[in-house]
Amino acid sequence: MNTSHAKAAFIGGAAGIMAGLFGVGGGIIVVPGLVLWLAVNQRQASGTSIATIVASSSAALVAFGISGSVDWGAALLVFTGAAVGAVIGARAATLLAERALSAAFAVVLLIAGIRMML
């Protein structure tokens, strides 16, 4: 396994742990990891992150579902909104300049971090 593969596997493992613990991981771990460690551009990092979320979310869903920790009604409503929003967001990401997309992502992470600390 070369260094890039090892870094990618580490990023995936960290994202999986974060998904299982806190319900997050793709945007917070995978996107910065791909951009900073593997020099992937922001748009590709976002798309790659979405692809990896399928695996981590499915695995975490099984574990949470078995333990009875899923509100299926709320999940269905959130899923519906998320699916529509994801299509709109993906289309918007293809229209934004790479620098603007990166800056917007950094602002979202900063605001989220500040709000979580308060």
N, C-alpha and C. Protein backbone atom coordinates (compact mmCIF):
# COMPACT_ATOMS: atom_id res chain seq x y z
N MET A 1 0.85 -1.17 0.00
CA MET A 1 0.00 0.00 0.00
C MET A 1 0.89 1.24 0.00
N ASN A 2 0.67 2.15 -0.96
CA ASN A 2 1.48 3.36 -0.98
C ASN A 2 0.96 4.40 0.02
N THR A 3 1.68 5.48 0.17
CA THR A 3 1.34 6.50 1.17
C THR A 3 -0.04 7.09 0.94
N SER A 4 -0.38 7.37 -0.31
CA SER A 4 -1.70 7.94 -0.61
C SER A 4 -2.81 6.98 -0.21
N HIS A 5 -2.61 5.70 -0.48
CA HIS A 5 -3.62 4.71 -0.10
C HIS A 5 -3.75 4.63 1.42
N ALA A 6 -2.64 4.66 2.11
CA ALA A 6 -2.67 4.62 3.58
C ALA A 6 -3.37 5.85 4.14
N LYS A 7 -3.08 7.02 3.57
CA LYS A 7 -3.74 8.24 4.02
C LYS A 7 -5.24 8.18 3.76
N ALA A 8 -5.62 7.70 2.57
CA ALA A 8 -7.04 7.58 2.24
C ALA A 8 -7.74 6.62 3.19
N ALA A 9 -7.10 5.50 3.50
CA ALA A 9 -7.69 4.53 4.44
C ALA A 9 -7.82 5.14 5.83
N PHE A 10 -6.84 5.91 6.26
CA PHE A 10 -6.91 6.58 7.56
C PHE A 10 -8.06 7.58 7.59
N ILE A 11 -8.18 8.38 6.53
CA ILE A 11 -9.27 9.35 6.44
C ILE A 11 -10.61 8.63 6.53
N GLY A 12 -10.75 7.53 5.81
CA GLY A 12 -11.99 6.75 5.85
C GLY A 12 -12.28 6.20 7.23
N GLY A 13 -11.26 5.68 7.89
CA GLY A 13 -11.44 5.15 9.24
C GLY A 13 -11.86 6.23 10.22
N ALA A 14 -11.21 7.38 10.14
CA ALA A 14 -11.56 8.50 11.02
C ALA A 14 -12.99 8.96 10.75
N ALA A 15 -13.37 9.04 9.49
CA ALA A 15 -14.74 9.45 9.15
C ALA A 15 -15.75 8.43 9.65
N GLY A 16 -15.43 7.15 9.55
CA GLY A 16 -16.34 6.12 10.04
C GLY A 16 -16.52 6.21 11.55
N ILE A 17 -15.44 6.42 12.26
CA ILE A 17 -15.54 6.56 13.72
C ILE A 17 -16.39 7.78 14.07
N MET A 18 -16.13 8.90 13.40
CA MET A 18 -16.91 10.12 13.65
C MET A 18 -18.38 9.92 13.30
N ALA A 19 -18.66 9.20 12.22
CA ALA A 19 -20.05 8.94 11.84
C ALA A 19 -20.74 8.10 12.90
N GLY A 20 -20.05 7.10 13.40
CA GLY A 20 -20.64 6.25 14.43
C GLY A 20 -20.84 6.97 15.75
N LEU A 21 -19.89 7.81 16.11
CA LEU A 21 -19.98 8.53 17.39
C LEU A 21 -20.95 9.71 17.35
N PHE A 22 -20.83 10.53 16.30
CA PHE A 22 -21.52 11.81 16.30
C PHE A 22 -22.47 12.03 15.12
N GLY A 23 -22.53 11.09 14.20
CA GLY A 23 -23.40 11.28 13.04
C GLY A 23 -22.80 12.21 12.00
N VAL A 24 -21.48 12.46 12.07
CA VAL A 24 -20.80 13.32 11.11
C VAL A 24 -19.53 12.61 10.63
N GLY A 25 -18.91 13.13 9.63
CA GLY A 25 -17.66 12.53 9.18
C GLY A 25 -17.28 12.93 7.78
N GLY A 26 -18.22 12.82 6.84
CA GLY A 26 -17.90 13.11 5.45
C GLY A 26 -17.37 14.51 5.23
N GLY A 27 -18.16 15.48 5.55
CA GLY A 27 -17.75 16.86 5.32
C GLY A 27 -16.68 17.34 6.27
N ILE A 28 -16.72 16.86 7.50
CA ILE A 28 -15.80 17.35 8.51
C ILE A 28 -14.44 16.67 8.44
N ILE A 29 -14.41 15.41 8.07
CA ILE A 29 -13.16 14.64 8.04
C ILE A 29 -12.69 14.37 6.61
N VAL A 30 -13.57 13.83 5.80
CA VAL A 30 -13.16 13.39 4.46
C VAL A 30 -12.77 14.56 3.56
N VAL A 31 -13.59 15.58 3.49
CA VAL A 31 -13.29 16.69 2.58
C VAL A 31 -11.97 17.37 2.94
N PRO A 32 -11.78 17.82 4.20
CA PRO A 32 -10.47 18.42 4.51
C PRO A 32 -9.31 17.44 4.34
N GLY A 33 -9.53 16.18 4.69
CA GLY A 33 -8.46 15.19 4.53
C GLY A 33 -8.05 15.02 3.08
N LEU A 34 -9.03 14.94 2.19
CA LEU A 34 -8.71 14.79 0.77
C LEU A 34 -8.03 16.04 0.21
N VAL A 35 -8.51 17.21 0.62
CA VAL A 35 -7.94 18.45 0.11
C VAL A 35 -6.53 18.68 0.66
N LEU A 36 -6.37 18.52 1.97
CA LEU A 36 -5.09 18.86 2.60
C LEU A 36 -4.04 17.75 2.49
N TRP A 37 -4.45 16.50 2.60
CA TRP A 37 -3.49 15.39 2.59
C TRP A 37 -3.24 14.81 1.21
N LEU A 38 -4.27 14.79 0.39
CA LEU A 38 -4.14 14.11 -0.91
C LEU A 38 -4.21 15.07 -2.10
N ALA A 39 -4.28 16.37 -1.82
CA ALA A 39 -4.28 17.41 -2.86
C ALA A 39 -5.39 17.23 -3.90
N VAL A 40 -6.55 16.76 -3.44
CA VAL A 40 -7.72 16.64 -4.30
C VAL A 40 -8.41 18.00 -4.31
N ASN A 41 -8.96 18.44 -5.45
CA ASN A 41 -9.61 19.74 -5.46
C ASN A 41 -10.93 19.68 -4.69
N GLN A 42 -11.43 20.83 -4.30
CA GLN A 42 -12.61 20.92 -3.43
C GLN A 42 -13.83 20.22 -4.03
N ARG A 43 -14.07 20.42 -5.30
CA ARG A 43 -15.25 19.82 -5.95
C ARG A 43 -15.15 18.30 -5.94
N GLN A 44 -13.98 17.74 -6.27
CA GLN A 44 -13.81 16.29 -6.25
C GLN A 44 -13.86 15.75 -4.82
N ALA A 45 -13.34 16.52 -3.88
CA ALA A 45 -13.39 16.09 -2.48
C ALA A 45 -14.83 16.01 -2.00
N SER A 46 -15.64 16.97 -2.38
CA SER A 46 -17.05 16.96 -1.98
C SER A 46 -17.77 15.76 -2.59
N GLY A 47 -17.56 15.53 -3.86
CA GLY A 47 -18.20 14.37 -4.52
C GLY A 47 -17.72 13.06 -3.96
N THR A 48 -16.43 12.95 -3.69
CA THR A 48 -15.87 11.73 -3.11
C THR A 48 -16.41 11.51 -1.71
N SER A 49 -16.54 12.58 -0.96
CA SER A 49 -17.08 12.49 0.39
C SER A 49 -18.51 11.94 0.37
N ILE A 50 -19.31 12.44 -0.55
CA ILE A 50 -20.69 11.95 -0.67
C ILE A 50 -20.70 10.46 -0.97
N ALA A 51 -19.80 10.01 -1.83
CA ALA A 51 -19.73 8.58 -2.15
C ALA A 51 -19.37 7.76 -0.92
N THR A 52 -18.46 8.27 -0.09
CA THR A 52 -18.05 7.51 1.09
C THR A 52 -19.11 7.52 2.18
N ILE A 53 -19.94 8.55 2.19
CA ILE A 53 -21.00 8.63 3.19
C ILE A 53 -21.97 7.47 3.05
N VAL A 54 -22.18 6.99 1.84
CA VAL A 54 -23.08 5.85 1.63
C VAL A 54 -22.63 4.66 2.46
N ALA A 55 -21.34 4.36 2.42
CA ALA A 55 -20.82 3.20 3.16
C ALA A 55 -20.87 3.42 4.67
N SER A 56 -20.37 4.57 5.12
CA SER A 56 -20.34 4.80 6.58
C SER A 56 -21.74 4.95 7.15
N SER A 57 -22.62 5.60 6.42
CA SER A 57 -23.99 5.76 6.90
C SER A 57 -24.72 4.43 6.97
N SER A 58 -24.52 3.61 5.96
CA SER A 58 -25.18 2.30 5.95
C SER A 58 -24.72 1.44 7.11
N ALA A 59 -23.42 1.41 7.34
CA ALA A 59 -22.89 0.61 8.44
C ALA A 59 -23.37 1.13 9.79
N ALA A 60 -23.33 2.45 9.98
CA ALA A 60 -23.80 3.03 11.24
C ALA A 60 -25.30 2.84 11.41
N LEU A 61 -26.05 2.93 10.33
CA LEU A 61 -27.50 2.72 10.40
C LEU A 61 -27.84 1.32 10.90
N VAL A 62 -27.11 0.33 10.44
CA VAL A 62 -27.35 -1.04 10.91
C VAL A 62 -27.13 -1.11 12.43
N ALA A 63 -26.02 -0.55 12.89
CA ALA A 63 -25.72 -0.60 14.33
C ALA A 63 -26.75 0.17 15.14
N PHE A 64 -27.09 1.38 14.72
CA PHE A 64 -28.09 2.16 15.45
C PHE A 64 -29.48 1.54 15.32
N GLY A 65 -29.80 1.00 14.16
CA GLY A 65 -31.11 0.36 13.96
C GLY A 65 -31.29 -0.85 14.85
N ILE A 66 -30.27 -1.68 14.97
CA ILE A 66 -30.34 -2.87 15.83
C ILE A 66 -30.57 -2.47 17.28
N SER A 67 -29.96 -1.38 17.71
CA SER A 67 -30.11 -0.96 19.11
C SER A 67 -31.39 -0.16 19.35
N GLY A 68 -32.20 0.06 18.30
CA GLY A 68 -33.45 0.80 18.45
C GLY A 68 -33.25 2.30 18.58
N SER A 69 -32.13 2.80 18.10
CA SER A 69 -31.80 4.22 18.26
C SER A 69 -32.08 5.05 17.01
N VAL A 70 -33.07 4.66 16.23
CA VAL A 70 -33.43 5.42 15.03
C VAL A 70 -34.91 5.81 15.11
N ASP A 71 -35.20 7.08 14.95
CA ASP A 71 -36.57 7.55 14.82
C ASP A 71 -36.89 7.49 13.32
N TRP A 72 -37.52 6.41 12.89
CA TRP A 72 -37.72 6.15 11.47
C TRP A 72 -38.59 7.20 10.79
N GLY A 73 -39.59 7.74 11.50
CA GLY A 73 -40.43 8.79 10.92
C GLY A 73 -39.63 10.04 10.62
N ALA A 74 -38.85 10.48 11.62
CA ALA A 74 -37.99 11.65 11.42
C ALA A 74 -36.95 11.37 10.35
N ALA A 75 -36.40 10.16 10.35
CA ALA A 75 -35.38 9.80 9.36
C ALA A 75 -35.93 9.91 7.94
N LEU A 76 -37.16 9.46 7.74
CA LEU A 76 -37.77 9.53 6.41
C LEU A 76 -37.95 10.98 5.96
N LEU A 77 -38.41 11.83 6.88
CA LEU A 77 -38.59 13.24 6.54
C LEU A 77 -37.26 13.92 6.24
N VAL A 78 -36.28 13.67 7.08
CA VAL A 78 -34.96 14.27 6.86
C VAL A 78 -34.34 13.73 5.57
N PHE A 79 -34.48 12.43 5.33
CA PHE A 79 -33.96 11.82 4.10
C PHE A 79 -34.55 12.50 2.86
N THR A 80 -35.86 12.72 2.88
CA THR A 80 -36.52 13.35 1.73
C THR A 80 -35.97 14.75 1.48
N GLY A 81 -35.89 15.55 2.54
CA GLY A 81 -35.33 16.89 2.39
C GLY A 81 -33.87 16.87 1.97
N ALA A 82 -33.11 15.95 2.55
CA ALA A 82 -31.69 15.85 2.23
C ALA A 82 -31.47 15.45 0.78
N ALA A 83 -32.31 14.55 0.27
CA ALA A 83 -32.16 14.11 -1.12
C ALA A 83 -32.39 15.26 -2.08
N VAL A 84 -33.44 16.03 -1.84
CA VAL A 84 -33.73 17.19 -2.70
C VAL A 84 -32.61 18.23 -2.55
N GLY A 85 -32.23 18.53 -1.32
CA GLY A 85 -31.18 19.51 -1.07
C GLY A 85 -29.85 19.10 -1.67
N ALA A 86 -29.54 17.82 -1.63
CA ALA A 86 -28.27 17.34 -2.18
C ALA A 86 -28.20 17.55 -3.69
N VAL A 87 -29.30 17.34 -4.38
CA VAL A 87 -29.31 17.57 -5.83
C VAL A 87 -29.08 19.05 -6.12
N ILE A 88 -29.77 19.91 -5.37
CA ILE A 88 -29.60 21.36 -5.57
C ILE A 88 -28.16 21.77 -5.23
N GLY A 89 -27.64 21.28 -4.11
CA GLY A 89 -26.27 21.62 -3.71
C GLY A 89 -25.23 21.13 -4.69
N ALA A 90 -25.41 19.92 -5.20
CA ALA A 90 -24.44 19.37 -6.16
C ALA A 90 -24.43 20.20 -7.44
N ARG A 91 -25.61 20.61 -7.88
CA ARG A 91 -25.66 21.44 -9.08
C ARG A 91 -25.02 22.80 -8.83
N ALA A 92 -25.27 23.37 -7.67
CA ALA A 92 -24.67 24.66 -7.32
C ALA A 92 -23.15 24.54 -7.25
N ALA A 93 -22.65 23.44 -6.70
CA ALA A 93 -21.20 23.23 -6.57
C ALA A 93 -20.51 23.19 -7.93
N THR A 94 -21.21 22.70 -8.94
CA THR A 94 -20.60 22.65 -10.28
C THR A 94 -20.56 24.04 -10.92
N LEU A 95 -21.38 24.95 -10.43
CA LEU A 95 -21.42 26.30 -11.01
C LEU A 95 -20.45 27.27 -10.33
N LEU A 96 -20.12 26.99 -9.06
CA LEU A 96 -19.24 27.88 -8.31
C LEU A 96 -17.78 27.69 -8.71
N ALA A 97 -17.04 28.76 -8.66
CA ALA A 97 -15.59 28.67 -8.88
C ALA A 97 -14.99 27.86 -7.74
N GLU A 98 -13.91 27.16 -8.02
CA GLU A 98 -13.25 26.31 -7.03
C GLU A 98 -12.90 27.09 -5.76
N ARG A 99 -12.37 28.26 -5.92
CA ARG A 99 -11.97 29.10 -4.77
C ARG A 99 -13.19 29.50 -3.94
N ALA A 100 -14.27 29.86 -4.59
CA ALA A 100 -15.49 30.25 -3.88
C ALA A 100 -16.07 29.06 -3.13
N LEU A 101 -16.03 27.90 -3.74
CA LEU A 101 -16.53 26.69 -3.09
C LEU A 101 -15.70 26.36 -1.85
N SER A 102 -14.39 26.45 -1.97
CA SER A 102 -13.51 26.21 -0.82
C SER A 102 -13.74 27.22 0.29
N ALA A 103 -13.88 28.47 -0.07
CA ALA A 103 -14.11 29.52 0.93
C ALA A 103 -15.44 29.31 1.64
N ALA A 104 -16.47 28.99 0.89
CA ALA A 104 -17.79 28.74 1.49
C ALA A 104 -17.72 27.55 2.44
N PHE A 105 -17.01 26.51 2.07
CA PHE A 105 -16.87 25.33 2.92
C PHE A 105 -16.14 25.69 4.21
N ALA A 106 -15.09 26.48 4.11
CA ALA A 106 -14.34 26.91 5.29
C ALA A 106 -15.22 27.73 6.23
N VAL A 107 -16.04 28.60 5.69
CA VAL A 107 -16.94 29.41 6.51
C VAL A 107 -17.95 28.52 7.23
N VAL A 108 -18.52 27.56 6.52
CA VAL A 108 -19.48 26.63 7.15
C VAL A 108 -18.82 25.87 8.29
N LEU A 109 -17.61 25.36 8.08
CA LEU A 109 -16.91 24.64 9.14
C LEU A 109 -16.61 25.55 10.33
N LEU A 110 -16.21 26.76 10.05
CA LEU A 110 -15.91 27.71 11.12
C LEU A 110 -17.15 28.02 11.94
N ILE A 111 -18.24 28.32 11.28
CA ILE A 111 -19.50 28.63 11.99
C ILE A 111 -19.96 27.41 12.80
N ALA A 112 -19.88 26.24 12.20
CA ALA A 112 -20.29 25.02 12.92
C ALA A 112 -19.43 24.81 14.15
N GLY A 113 -18.13 25.00 14.01
CA GLY A 113 -17.22 24.82 15.13
C GLY A 113 -17.50 25.79 16.27
N ILE A 114 -17.73 27.04 15.92
CA ILE A 114 -18.04 28.05 16.94
C ILE A 114 -19.35 27.73 17.63
N ARG A 115 -20.37 27.38 16.85
CA ARG A 115 -21.68 27.06 17.44
C ARG A 115 -21.61 25.85 18.36
N MET A 116 -20.81 24.87 18.00
CA MET A 116 -20.70 23.65 18.83
C MET A 116 -19.98 23.94 20.14
N MET A 117 -19.10 24.92 20.13
CA MET A 117 -18.36 25.25 21.36
C MET A 117 -19.22 26.07 22.32
N LEU A 118 -20.23 26.74 21.83
CA LEU A 118 -21.07 27.60 22.69
C LEU A 118 -22.13 26.84 23.44
